[in-house]
C-alpha atoms as a PDB file:
ATOM      1  CA  MET A   1      -0.345   0.367   0.256  1.00  0.00           C
ATOM      2  CA  GLU A   2       0.935   3.497  -1.048  1.00  0.00           C
ATOM      3  CA  LYS A   3       0.472   6.468   1.381  1.00  0.00           C
ATOM      4  CA  THR A   4      -2.146   7.857  -0.908  1.00  0.00           C
ATOM      5  CA  SER A   5      -3.701   5.044  -2.004  1.00  0.00           C
ATOM      6  CA  ARG A   6      -7.756   4.527  -2.038  1.00  0.00           C
ATOM      7  CA  ILE A   7      -8.086   2.583   1.316  1.00  0.00           C
ATOM      8  CA  TYR A   8     -11.662   1.924   2.472  1.00  0.00           C
ATOM      9  CA  ILE A   9     -12.610   1.162   5.719  1.00  0.00           C
ATOM     10  CA  ALA A  10     -15.748  -0.375   5.877  1.00  0.00           C
ATOM     11  CA  GLY A  11     -17.080  -0.324   9.794  1.00  0.00           C
ATOM     12  CA  HIS A  12     -14.521   2.633  10.636  1.00  0.00           C
ATOM     13  CA  ARG A  13     -16.696   3.720  13.228  1.00  0.00           C
ATOM     14  CA  GLY A  14     -17.219   0.140  15.667  1.00  0.00           C
ATOM     15  CA  MET A  15     -14.393  -0.468  17.756  1.00  0.00           C
ATOM     16  CA  VAL A  16     -12.562  -2.209  15.125  1.00  0.00           C
ATOM     17  CA  GLY A  17     -12.721  -0.555  12.083  1.00  0.00           C
ATOM     18  CA  SER A  18     -12.591   2.557  14.167  1.00  0.00           C
ATOM     19  CA  ALA A  19      -9.005   0.944  15.409  1.00  0.00           C
ATOM     20  CA  ILE A  20      -8.246   0.678  11.831  1.00  0.00           C
ATOM     21  CA  LEU A  21      -8.491   3.692  10.702  1.00  0.00           C
ATOM     22  CA  ARG A  22      -6.572   5.020  14.243  1.00  0.00           C
ATOM     23  CA  LYS A  23      -3.487   2.936  12.511  1.00  0.00           C
ATOM     24  CA  LEU A  24      -4.013   3.859   8.988  1.00  0.00           C
ATOM     25  CA  GLN A  25      -3.597   7.924  10.344  1.00  0.00           C
ATOM     26  CA  TYR A  26      -0.919   6.928  12.483  1.00  0.00           C
ATOM     27  CA  GLU A  27       1.409   5.874   9.281  1.00  0.00           C
ATOM     28  CA  GLY A  28       0.269   8.822   7.397  1.00  0.00           C
ATOM     29  CA  PHE A  29      -1.857   6.887   4.811  1.00  0.00           C
ATOM     30  CA  THR A  30      -3.861  10.280   2.998  1.00  0.00           C
ATOM     31  CA  ASN A  31      -6.555   8.490   0.550  1.00  0.00           C
ATOM     32  CA  LEU A  32      -8.721   6.770   3.664  1.00  0.00           C
ATOM     33  CA  ILE A  33     -11.968   6.207   2.364  1.00  0.00           C
ATOM     34  CA  THR A  34     -15.514   6.218   5.075  1.00  0.00           C
ATOM     35  CA  ARG A  35     -18.757   5.919   5.538  1.00  0.00           C
ATOM     36  CA  THR A  36     -21.307   5.741   7.700  1.00  0.00           C
ATOM     37  CA  SER A  37     -24.255   3.679   8.225  1.00  0.00           C
ATOM     38  CA  SER A  38     -26.232   6.928   7.304  1.00  0.00           C
ATOM     39  CA  GLU A  39     -24.959   7.511   4.395  1.00  0.00           C
ATOM     40  CA  LEU A  40     -24.524   3.777   2.729  1.00  0.00           C
ATOM     41  CA  ASP A  41     -26.068   1.031   4.008  1.00  0.00           C
ATOM     42  CA  LEU A  42     -24.107  -1.814   3.251  1.00  0.00           C
ATOM     43  CA  ARG A  43     -26.956  -4.129   2.995  1.00  0.00           C
ATOM     44  CA  ASN A  44     -27.916  -2.230  -0.203  1.00  0.00           C
ATOM     45  CA  GLN A  45     -26.411  -4.498  -2.687  1.00  0.00           C
ATOM     46  CA  GLN A  46     -27.227  -1.100  -5.350  1.00  0.00           C
ATOM     47  CA  ALA A  47     -25.686   1.429  -3.356  1.00  0.00           C
ATOM     48  CA  VAL A  48     -22.524  -1.189  -2.311  1.00  0.00           C
ATOM     49  CA  ALA A  49     -21.408  -1.480  -5.645  1.00  0.00           C
ATOM     50  CA  ASP A  50     -22.842   2.290  -6.912  1.00  0.00           C
ATOM     51  CA  PHE A  51     -20.580   3.347  -3.686  1.00  0.00           C
ATOM     52  CA  PHE A  52     -17.256   0.625  -5.520  1.00  0.00           C
ATOM     53  CA  THR A  53     -18.508   2.038  -8.784  1.00  0.00           C
ATOM     54  CA  LEU A  54     -17.563   6.319  -7.368  1.00  0.00           C
ATOM     55  CA  GLU A  55     -14.914   5.658  -5.242  1.00  0.00           C
ATOM     56  CA  LYS A  56     -12.870   2.979  -6.580  1.00  0.00           C
ATOM     57  CA  PRO A  57     -10.539   1.387  -3.414  1.00  0.00           C
ATOM     58  CA  GLU A  58      -7.277  -0.459  -4.120  1.00  0.00           C
ATOM     59  CA  TYR A  59      -7.550  -1.852  -0.832  1.00  0.00           C
ATOM     60  CA  VAL A  60     -10.124  -2.862   1.292  1.00  0.00           C
ATOM     61  CA  PHE A  61     -10.955  -3.858   5.172  1.00  0.00           C
ATOM     62  CA  LEU A  62     -14.125  -5.810   5.418  1.00  0.00           C
ATOM     63  CA  ALA A  63     -14.717  -4.858   9.320  1.00  0.00           C
ATOM     64  CA  ALA A  64     -18.652  -4.366   9.265  1.00  0.00           C
ATOM     65  CA  ALA A  65     -20.301  -6.207  10.771  1.00  0.00           C
ATOM     66  CA  LYS A  66     -23.791  -6.860  13.171  1.00  0.00           C
ATOM     67  CA  VAL A  67     -21.829  -8.007  16.289  1.00  0.00           C
ATOM     68  CA  GLY A  68     -22.761  -8.838  19.465  1.00  0.00           C
ATOM     69  CA  GLY A  69     -22.328 -11.152  23.008  1.00  0.00           C
ATOM     70  CA  ILE A  70     -24.209 -14.360  23.445  1.00  0.00           C
ATOM     71  CA  VAL A  71     -27.889 -13.097  24.508  1.00  0.00           C
ATOM     72  CA  ALA A  72     -27.820 -10.829  21.280  1.00  0.00           C
ATOM     73  CA  ASN A  73     -26.884 -13.434  18.840  1.00  0.00           C
ATOM     74  CA  ASN A  74     -28.660 -15.778  20.119  1.00  0.00           C
ATOM     75  CA  THR A  75     -32.130 -13.385  20.683  1.00  0.00           C
ATOM     76  CA  TYR A  76     -31.687 -12.051  16.721  1.00  0.00           C
ATOM     77  CA  ARG A  77     -30.868 -15.077  14.878  1.00  0.00           C
ATOM     78  CA  ALA A  78     -31.692 -14.282  11.854  1.00  0.00           C
ATOM     79  CA  ASP A  79     -31.021 -10.554  11.986  1.00  0.00           C
ATOM     80  CA  PHE A  80     -27.906 -11.896  12.574  1.00  0.00           C
ATOM     81  CA  LEU A  81     -26.977 -14.706   9.846  1.00  0.00           C
ATOM     82  CA  TYR A  82     -29.094 -12.244   7.055  1.00  0.00           C
ATOM     83  CA  ASP A  83     -27.160  -8.890   7.528  1.00  0.00           C
ATOM     84  CA  ASN A  84     -23.324 -10.335   7.760  1.00  0.00           C
ATOM     85  CA  LEU A  85     -24.343 -12.494   5.267  1.00  0.00           C
ATOM     86  CA  VAL A  86     -25.452 -10.086   2.856  1.00  0.00           C
ATOM     87  CA  ILE A  87     -23.083  -7.468   3.516  1.00  0.00           C
ATOM     88  CA  GLN A  88     -20.070  -9.214   3.264  1.00  0.00           C
ATOM     89  CA  ASN A  89     -22.158 -10.705   0.490  1.00  0.00           C
ATOM     90  CA  ASN A  90     -21.829  -7.246  -1.423  1.00  0.00           C
ATOM     91  CA  ILE A  91     -18.318  -5.785  -0.244  1.00  0.00           C
ATOM     92  CA  ILE A  92     -16.758  -8.900  -1.337  1.00  0.00           C
ATOM     93  CA  HIS A  93     -18.029  -8.987  -5.021  1.00  0.00           C
ATOM     94  CA  ASN A  94     -18.034  -5.798  -5.838  1.00  0.00           C
ATOM     95  CA  SER A  95     -14.521  -5.095  -4.486  1.00  0.00           C
ATOM     96  CA  TYR A  96     -14.138  -8.299  -6.704  1.00  0.00           C
ATOM     97  CA  ILE A  97     -16.228  -6.069  -9.634  1.00  0.00           C
ATOM     98  CA  THR A  98     -14.561  -2.588  -9.784  1.00  0.00           C
ATOM     99  CA  GLY A  99     -10.933  -4.497  -9.358  1.00  0.00           C
ATOM    100  CA  VAL A 100      -9.997  -4.057  -5.282  1.00  0.00           C
ATOM    101  CA  THR A 101      -6.000  -4.391  -4.983  1.00  0.00           C
ATOM    102  CA  LYS A 102      -6.395  -6.803  -1.877  1.00  0.00           C
ATOM    103  CA  LEU A 103      -9.102  -7.346   0.209  1.00  0.00           C
ATOM    104  CA  LEU A 104      -8.722  -8.060   4.278  1.00  0.00           C
ATOM    105  CA  PHE A 105     -11.697  -9.817   5.424  1.00  0.00           C
ATOM    106  CA  LEU A 106     -12.455  -9.892   9.534  1.00  0.00           C
ATOM    107  CA  GLY A 107     -14.285 -12.934  11.045  1.00  0.00           C
ATOM    108  CA  SER A 108     -14.502 -14.120  14.854  1.00  0.00           C
ATOM    109  CA  SER A 109     -13.017 -17.171  16.686  1.00  0.00           C
ATOM    110  CA  CYS A 110     -16.646 -18.529  17.250  1.00  0.00           C
ATOM    111  CA  ILE A 111     -15.917 -19.733  13.679  1.00  0.00           C
ATOM    112  CA  TYR A 112     -14.663 -23.453  15.111  1.00  0.00           C
ATOM    113  CA  PRO A 113     -16.140 -26.380  16.163  1.00  0.00           C
ATOM    114  CA  LYS A 114     -17.557 -25.854  20.242  1.00  0.00           C
ATOM    115  CA  LEU A 115     -15.675 -28.338  21.361  1.00  0.00           C
ATOM    116  CA  ALA A 116     -12.634 -28.442  19.141  1.00  0.00           C
ATOM    117  CA  PRO A 117      -9.095 -29.195  20.431  1.00  0.00           C
ATOM    118  CA  GLN A 118      -7.447 -26.459  22.310  1.00  0.00           C
ATOM    119  CA  PRO A 119      -5.446 -24.228  21.284  1.00  0.00           C
ATOM    120  CA  LEU A 120      -6.895 -23.695  18.017  1.00  0.00           C
ATOM    121  CA  LYS A 121      -5.684 -24.387  14.298  1.00  0.00           C
ATOM    122  CA  GLU A 122      -7.093 -22.879  11.411  1.00  0.00           C
ATOM    123  CA  GLU A 123      -7.821 -25.850  10.445  1.00  0.00           C
ATOM    124  CA  TYR A 124      -9.650 -27.369  13.062  1.00  0.00           C
ATOM    125  CA  LEU A 125     -12.277 -25.448  10.651  1.00  0.00           C
ATOM    126  CA  LEU A 126     -15.396 -27.227   9.521  1.00  0.00           C
ATOM    127  CA  THR A 127     -14.585 -30.831  11.797  1.00  0.00           C
ATOM    128  CA  GLY A 128     -17.696 -30.441  14.330  1.00  0.00           C
ATOM    129  CA  LEU A 129     -20.507 -28.707  14.761  1.00  0.00           C
ATOM    130  CA  LEU A 130     -21.194 -25.157  16.157  1.00  0.00           C
ATOM    131  CA  GLU A 131     -21.555 -23.530  19.399  1.00  0.00           C
ATOM    132  CA  PRO A 132     -25.898 -23.275  19.517  1.00  0.00           C
ATOM    133  CA  THR A 133     -25.847 -19.793  20.604  1.00  0.00           C
ATOM    134  CA  ASN A 134     -23.875 -17.798  18.350  1.00  0.00           C
ATOM    135  CA  GLU A 135     -24.600 -20.163  15.619  1.00  0.00           C
ATOM    136  CA  PRO A 136     -26.055 -18.352  12.838  1.00  0.00           C
ATOM    137  CA  TYR A 137     -22.529 -15.598  13.329  1.00  0.00           C
ATOM    138  CA  ALA A 138     -20.804 -18.046  12.882  1.00  0.00           C
ATOM    139  CA  ILE A 139     -22.396 -19.429   9.874  1.00  0.00           C
ATOM    140  CA  ALA A 140     -22.147 -16.265   7.751  1.00  0.00           C
ATOM    141  CA  LYS A 141     -18.521 -15.184   8.502  1.00  0.00           C
ATOM    142  CA  ILE A 142     -17.359 -19.211   7.825  1.00  0.00           C
ATOM    143  CA  ALA A 143     -19.617 -18.415   4.506  1.00  0.00           C
ATOM    144  CA  GLY A 144     -17.438 -15.457   4.346  1.00  0.00           C
ATOM    145  CA  ILE A 145     -14.015 -17.298   4.886  1.00  0.00           C
ATOM    146  CA  LYS A 146     -15.075 -19.650   1.762  1.00  0.00           C
ATOM    147  CA  LEU A 147     -16.055 -16.753  -0.927  1.00  0.00           C
ATOM    148  CA  CYS A 148     -13.208 -14.754  -1.066  1.00  0.00           C
ATOM    149  CA  ASP A 149     -11.286 -17.856  -1.334  1.00  0.00           C
ATOM    150  CA  ALA A 150     -13.706 -18.755  -4.255  1.00  0.00           C
ATOM    151  CA  TYR A 151     -12.560 -15.415  -5.380  1.00  0.00           C
ATOM    152  CA  ARG A 152      -9.277 -15.699  -5.027  1.00  0.00           C
ATOM    153  CA  ASP A 153      -9.282 -19.563  -6.748  1.00  0.00           C
ATOM    154  CA  GLN A 154     -11.723 -18.566  -9.581  1.00  0.00           C
ATOM    155  CA  TYR A 155     -11.108 -14.735 -10.520  1.00  0.00           C
ATOM    156  CA  ASN A 156      -6.907 -14.467  -8.971  1.00  0.00           C
ATOM    157  CA  CYS A 157      -8.381 -12.036  -6.556  1.00  0.00           C
ATOM    158  CA  ASP A 158      -6.013 -11.219  -3.284  1.00  0.00           C
ATOM    159  CA  PHE A 159      -8.452 -11.539  -0.659  1.00  0.00           C
ATOM    160  CA  ILE A 160      -7.758 -12.840   2.826  1.00  0.00           C
ATOM    161  CA  SER A 161      -9.383 -13.887   5.607  1.00  0.00           C
ATOM    162  CA  VAL A 162      -8.048 -13.532   9.384  1.00  0.00           C
ATOM    163  CA  MET A 163      -9.656 -14.633  12.160  1.00  0.00           C
ATOM    164  CA  PRO A 164      -9.858 -12.295  15.878  1.00  0.00           C
ATOM    165  CA  THR A 165     -10.378 -13.698  19.165  1.00  0.00           C
ATOM    166  CA  ASN A 166     -12.013 -11.791  21.789  1.00  0.00           C
ATOM    167  CA  LEU A 167     -11.329  -8.081  21.212  1.00  0.00           C
ATOM    168  CA  TYR A 168     -11.841  -5.499  23.705  1.00  0.00           C
ATOM    169  CA  GLY A 169     -11.184  -1.253  22.970  1.00  0.00           C
ATOM    170  CA  TYR A 170     -11.181   2.052  22.217  1.00  0.00           C
ATOM    171  CA  ASN A 171     -15.150   2.272  21.191  1.00  0.00           C
ATOM    172  CA  ASP A 172     -15.871  -0.735  22.737  1.00  0.00           C
ATOM    173  CA  ASN A 173     -20.211  -1.800  23.353  1.00  0.00           C
ATOM    174  CA  TYR A 174     -21.327  -1.420  27.001  1.00  0.00           C
ATOM    175  CA  HIS A 175     -24.638  -2.331  25.898  1.00  0.00           C
ATOM    176  CA  PRO A 176     -26.198  -4.215  29.411  1.00  0.00           C
ATOM    177  CA  GLU A 177     -27.258  -6.937  27.704  1.00  0.00           C
ATOM    178  CA  ASN A 178     -26.267  -6.942  24.112  1.00  0.00           C
ATOM    179  CA  SER A 179     -22.611  -6.521  24.701  1.00  0.00           C
ATOM    180  CA  HIS A 180     -19.300  -9.213  24.747  1.00  0.00           C
ATOM    181  CA  VAL A 181     -18.033 -10.277  28.089  1.00  0.00           C
ATOM    182  CA  LEU A 182     -15.297  -7.477  28.956  1.00  0.00           C
ATOM    183  CA  PRO A 183     -17.158  -4.524  28.039  1.00  0.00           C
ATOM    184  CA  ALA A 184     -19.961  -5.862  29.961  1.00  0.00           C
ATOM    185  CA  LEU A 185     -18.134  -6.766  33.032  1.00  0.00           C
ATOM    186  CA  ILE A 186     -16.627  -3.220  33.019  1.00  0.00           C
ATOM    187  CA  ARG A 187     -19.869  -1.631  32.792  1.00  0.00           C
ATOM    188  CA  LYS A 188     -21.260  -4.193  35.758  1.00  0.00           C
ATOM    189  CA  PHE A 189     -18.740  -3.460  38.416  1.00  0.00           C
ATOM    190  CA  HIS A 190     -18.899   0.398  37.018  1.00  0.00           C
ATOM    191  CA  GLU A 191     -22.184   0.916  37.888  1.00  0.00           C
ATOM    192  CA  ALA A 192     -22.053  -1.167  41.188  1.00  0.00           C
ATOM    193  CA  LYS A 193     -18.992   0.951  42.877  1.00  0.00           C
ATOM    194  CA  ALA A 194     -21.493   4.032  41.090  1.00  0.00           C
ATOM    195  CA  HIS A 195     -24.871   3.013  43.549  1.00  0.00           C
ATOM    196  CA  GLY A 196     -22.484   1.644  46.716  1.00  0.00           C
ATOM    197  CA  GLU A 197     -24.224  -2.554  45.980  1.00  0.00           C
ATOM    198  CA  LYS A 198     -22.982  -4.900  47.784  1.00  0.00           C
ATOM    199  CA  GLU A 199     -22.413  -7.735  45.123  1.00  0.00           C
ATOM    200  CA  VAL A 200     -22.002  -8.233  41.222  1.00  0.00           C
ATOM    201  CA  ILE A 201     -23.704 -11.761  39.905  1.00  0.00           C
ATOM    202  CA  VAL A 202     -21.677 -12.517  36.988  1.00  0.00           C
ATOM    203  CA  TRP A 203     -22.993 -14.688  34.464  1.00  0.00           C
ATOM    204  CA  GLY A 204     -22.184 -18.604  34.300  1.00  0.00           C
ATOM    205  CA  SER A 205     -20.040 -20.482  36.639  1.00  0.00           C
ATOM    206  CA  GLY A 206     -16.947 -18.570  35.528  1.00  0.00           C
ATOM    207  CA  SER A 207     -14.815 -22.271  35.006  1.00  0.00           C
ATOM    208  CA  PRO A 208     -14.732 -20.936  30.971  1.00  0.00           C
ATOM    209  CA  MET A 209     -11.794 -19.977  28.998  1.00  0.00           C
ATOM    210  CA  ARG A 210     -11.327 -17.024  27.756  1.00  0.00           C
ATOM    211  CA  GLU A 211      -8.427 -15.169  25.691  1.00  0.00           C
ATOM    212  CA  PHE A 212      -8.846 -11.631  25.150  1.00  0.00           C
ATOM    213  CA  LEU A 213      -6.863  -9.231  22.192  1.00  0.00           C
ATOM    214  CA  PHE A 214      -6.279  -5.342  22.638  1.00  0.00           C
ATOM    215  CA  ALA A 215      -7.835  -3.730  18.939  1.00  0.00           C
ATOM    216  CA  ASP A 216      -6.044  -1.940  18.195  1.00  0.00           C
ATOM    217  CA  ASP A 217      -3.086  -4.713  18.749  1.00  0.00           C
ATOM    218  CA  LEU A 218      -5.123  -6.221  16.319  1.00  0.00           C
ATOM    219  CA  ALA A 219      -5.641  -3.264  14.410  1.00  0.00           C
ATOM    220  CA  ASP A 220      -1.625  -2.965  13.406  1.00  0.00           C
ATOM    221  CA  ALA A 221      -1.898  -7.217  12.986  1.00  0.00           C
ATOM    222  CA  CYS A 222      -3.907  -6.056   9.503  1.00  0.00           C
ATOM    223  CA  TYR A 223      -2.108  -4.408   8.599  1.00  0.00           C
ATOM    224  CA  TYR A 224       1.181  -5.922   8.867  1.00  0.00           C
ATOM    225  CA  LEU A 225      -0.901  -8.639   7.523  1.00  0.00           C
ATOM    226  CA  MET A 226      -2.252  -6.298   4.418  1.00  0.00           C
ATOM    227  CA  GLN A 227       1.134  -6.125   3.545  1.00  0.00           C
ATOM    228  CA  THR A 228       2.817  -9.561   4.478  1.00  0.00           C
ATOM    229  CA  TYR A 229       0.223 -12.411   4.157  1.00  0.00           C
ATOM    230  CA  SER A 230      -1.685 -13.857   0.366  1.00  0.00           C
ATOM    231  CA  GLU A 231      -3.346 -16.846   0.988  1.00  0.00           C
ATOM    232  CA  PRO A 232      -6.342 -18.574   0.690  1.00  0.00           C
ATOM    233  CA  SER A 233      -8.059 -20.201   4.269  1.00  0.00           C
ATOM    234  CA  LEU A 234      -7.474 -17.800   7.468  1.00  0.00           C
ATOM    235  CA  ILE A 235      -4.735 -16.626   9.609  1.00  0.00           C
ATOM    236  CA  ASN A 236      -5.805 -16.397  13.613  1.00  0.00           C
ATOM    237  CA  ILE A 237      -4.664 -13.175  15.499  1.00  0.00           C
ATOM    238  CA  GLY A 238      -4.841 -13.485  19.174  1.00  0.00           C
ATOM    239  CA  THR A 239      -2.304 -13.290  22.009  1.00  0.00           C
ATOM    240  CA  GLY A 240      -2.041 -16.873  22.688  1.00  0.00           C
ATOM    241  CA  GLU A 241      -2.843 -16.972  26.068  1.00  0.00           C
ATOM    242  CA  ASP A 242      -6.251 -17.745  28.105  1.00  0.00           C
ATOM    243  CA  ILE A 243      -8.015 -16.199  31.479  1.00  0.00           C
ATOM    244  CA  THR A 244     -11.003 -17.925  33.229  1.00  0.00           C
ATOM    245  CA  ILE A 245     -13.821 -15.296  33.736  1.00  0.00           C
ATOM    246  CA  LYS A 246     -13.826 -15.030  37.249  1.00  0.00           C
ATOM    247  CA  ASP A 247      -9.528 -14.508  37.473  1.00  0.00           C
ATOM    248  CA  LEU A 248     -11.574 -11.933  34.606  1.00  0.00           C
ATOM    249  CA  ALA A 249     -14.130 -11.109  36.362  1.00  0.00           C
ATOM    250  CA  LEU A 250     -12.193 -10.493  39.791  1.00  0.00           C
ATOM    251  CA  LEU A 251      -8.885  -8.434  37.717  1.00  0.00           C
ATOM    252  CA  ILE A 252     -11.271  -5.765  36.251  1.00  0.00           C
ATOM    253  CA  LYS A 253     -13.085  -5.821  39.864  1.00  0.00           C
ATOM    254  CA  ASP A 254      -9.819  -4.230  40.952  1.00  0.00           C
ATOM    255  CA  ILE A 255      -9.263  -2.044  38.017  1.00  0.00           C
ATOM    256  CA  VAL A 256     -12.550  -0.907  38.246  1.00  0.00           C
ATOM    257  CA  GLY A 257     -11.770  -0.652  41.898  1.00  0.00           C
ATOM    258  CA  PHE A 258     -15.310  -2.563  43.027  1.00  0.00           C
ATOM    259  CA  GLU A 259     -14.692  -3.749  47.018  1.00  0.00           C
ATOM    260  CA  GLY A 260     -18.132  -5.873  47.154  1.00  0.00           C
ATOM    261  CA  GLU A 261     -19.173  -9.362  46.520  1.00  0.00           C
ATOM    262  CA  LEU A 262     -18.508 -12.132  42.924  1.00  0.00           C
ATOM    263  CA  ILE A 263     -21.739 -14.821  42.714  1.00  0.00           C
ATOM    264  CA  PHE A 264     -21.900 -16.333  40.051  1.00  0.00           C
ATOM    265  CA  ASP A 265     -24.415 -17.559  38.245  1.00  0.00           C
ATOM    266  CA  SER A 266     -24.517 -20.820  37.621  1.00  0.00           C
ATOM    267  CA  SER A 267     -28.467 -21.090  35.959  1.00  0.00           C
ATOM    268  CA  LYS A 268     -27.180 -18.706  33.142  1.00  0.00           C
ATOM    269  CA  PRO A 269     -25.518 -20.171  30.051  1.00  0.00           C
ATOM    270  CA  ASP A 270     -21.370 -20.477  29.847  1.00  0.00           C
ATOM    271  CA  GLY A 271     -20.655 -21.020  25.772  1.00  0.00           C
ATOM    272  CA  THR A 272     -17.600 -22.729  24.596  1.00  0.00           C
ATOM    273  CA  PRO A 273     -15.651 -23.772  27.771  1.00  0.00           C
ATOM    274  CA  ARG A 274     -12.632 -22.561  25.880  1.00  0.00           C
ATOM    275  CA  LYS A 275     -11.887 -20.691  23.204  1.00  0.00           C
ATOM    276  CA  LEU A 276      -7.445 -20.296  22.799  1.00  0.00           C
ATOM    277  CA  MET A 277      -6.220 -19.028  19.372  1.00  0.00           C
ATOM    278  CA  ASP A 278      -3.399 -21.166  18.349  1.00  0.00           C
ATOM    279  CA  VAL A 279      -1.733 -18.201  17.515  1.00  0.00           C
ATOM    280  CA  SER A 280       1.862 -19.943  16.166  1.00  0.00           C
ATOM    281  CA  LYS A 281       0.918 -19.302  12.685  1.00  0.00           C
ATOM    282  CA  LEU A 282       1.116 -15.824  12.801  1.00  0.00           C
ATOM    283  CA  HIS A 283       3.521 -15.321  15.796  1.00  0.00           C
ATOM    284  CA  SER A 284       6.229 -17.250  12.353  1.00  0.00           C
ATOM    285  CA  ARG A 285       5.309 -14.399  10.023  1.00  0.00           C
ATOM    286  CA  GLY A 286       6.933 -12.505  12.318  1.00  0.00           C
ATOM    287  CA  TRP A 287       3.540 -10.659  13.792  1.00  0.00           C
ATOM    288  CA  LYS A 288       3.746 -10.433  18.299  1.00  0.00           C
ATOM    289  CA  HIS A 289       1.197  -8.537  19.971  1.00  0.00           C
ATOM    290  CA  ARG A 290       2.145  -5.959  22.669  1.00  0.00           C
ATOM    291  CA  VAL A 291      -0.446  -4.718  24.716  1.00  0.00           C
ATOM    292  CA  GLU A 292      -1.257  -7.388  27.818  1.00  0.00           C
ATOM    293  CA  LEU A 293      -4.598  -7.738  29.634  1.00  0.00           C
ATOM    294  CA  PRO A 294      -4.194  -5.810  32.571  1.00  0.00           C
ATOM    295  CA  GLU A 295      -2.838  -2.843  31.024  1.00  0.00           C
ATOM    296  CA  GLY A 296      -5.313  -3.067  28.178  1.00  0.00           C
ATOM    297  CA  ILE A 297      -8.318  -2.757  30.688  1.00  0.00           C
ATOM    298  CA  LYS A 298      -7.450  -0.227  32.754  1.00  0.00           C
ATOM    299  CA  MET A 299      -7.136   1.813  29.037  1.00  0.00           C
ATOM    300  CA  ALA A 300     -10.594   0.041  27.607  1.00  0.00           C
ATOM    301  CA  TYR A 301     -11.921   1.654  31.601  1.00  0.00           C
ATOM    302  CA  ALA A 302     -10.469   4.878  30.548  1.00  0.00           C
ATOM    303  CA  ASP A 303     -12.524   5.311  26.903  1.00  0.00           C
ATOM    304  CA  PHE A 304     -15.297   3.821  28.859  1.00  0.00           C
ATOM    305  CA  LEU A 305     -15.091   6.958  31.442  1.00  0.00           C
ATOM    306  CA  THR A 306     -15.184   9.344  29.312  1.00  0.00           C
ATOM    307  CA  LYS A 307     -18.652   8.118  27.232  1.00  0.00           C
ATOM    308  CA  HIS A 308     -20.125   6.837  30.527  1.00  0.00           C
ATOM    309  CA  PRO A 309     -19.271   9.317  32.981  1.00  0.00           C
END
């Protein structure tokens, strides 16, 4: 990518897209193309086709998606499947039609089978059943990977797919019902502290293990891979380290400064028992995360306080 290359960041106001936008601005790129959802509905096939014809981006970071936590995924199953399929179909197809030089598609670690061996290697894709609660989202993301591969096979398009682990950071979603576990816990502990509550209830048993990557580290990895990686299939992006939900909750409790008790509600779903990414493929290509979890949570909480004082 040249500093003046026309680069489209789809989903630039979300946590991932905004991190990619910040990274490209920091690196000195001057021709960045963005549209808000009110300016361009990515589900509208004709509108997306017109946009690509008009703007003719040379590089595309496909970070736009309908996302949410375990409740949202399980409640809005049709929306998560339809919206994500149509968004990525429109962008990937029009990238081919208008001759985009390179496209990077962002998936999710939920694409892997629920009971896949740990850590999750790229070749475990489609070797078992998915976690039922987020199956629609996972199916859409798997279709995106296969669509990129199909355009590579049939039309020689340089379309690559990356699979991030669980993400957190600036511009995260702190909705009380539709957010992921880490931002949800930040909000819970913050509100409990503010209201002087004696306890915080955490969903599930606390035993599942999760891996967390700061979104700006993901952006750095995407920038690196856009310039150095060109292969079919996919590549994992993560830290290669995980933590139990219980220990995560205790860490956030300490950072937020909540002094009450923790109660784990085992009647609520745990989701997948463990989701640790095998990042040896990424490490072998020379990239490793920089932000460790305690430091990242402190930065995320500081960002939360600017928006939810």
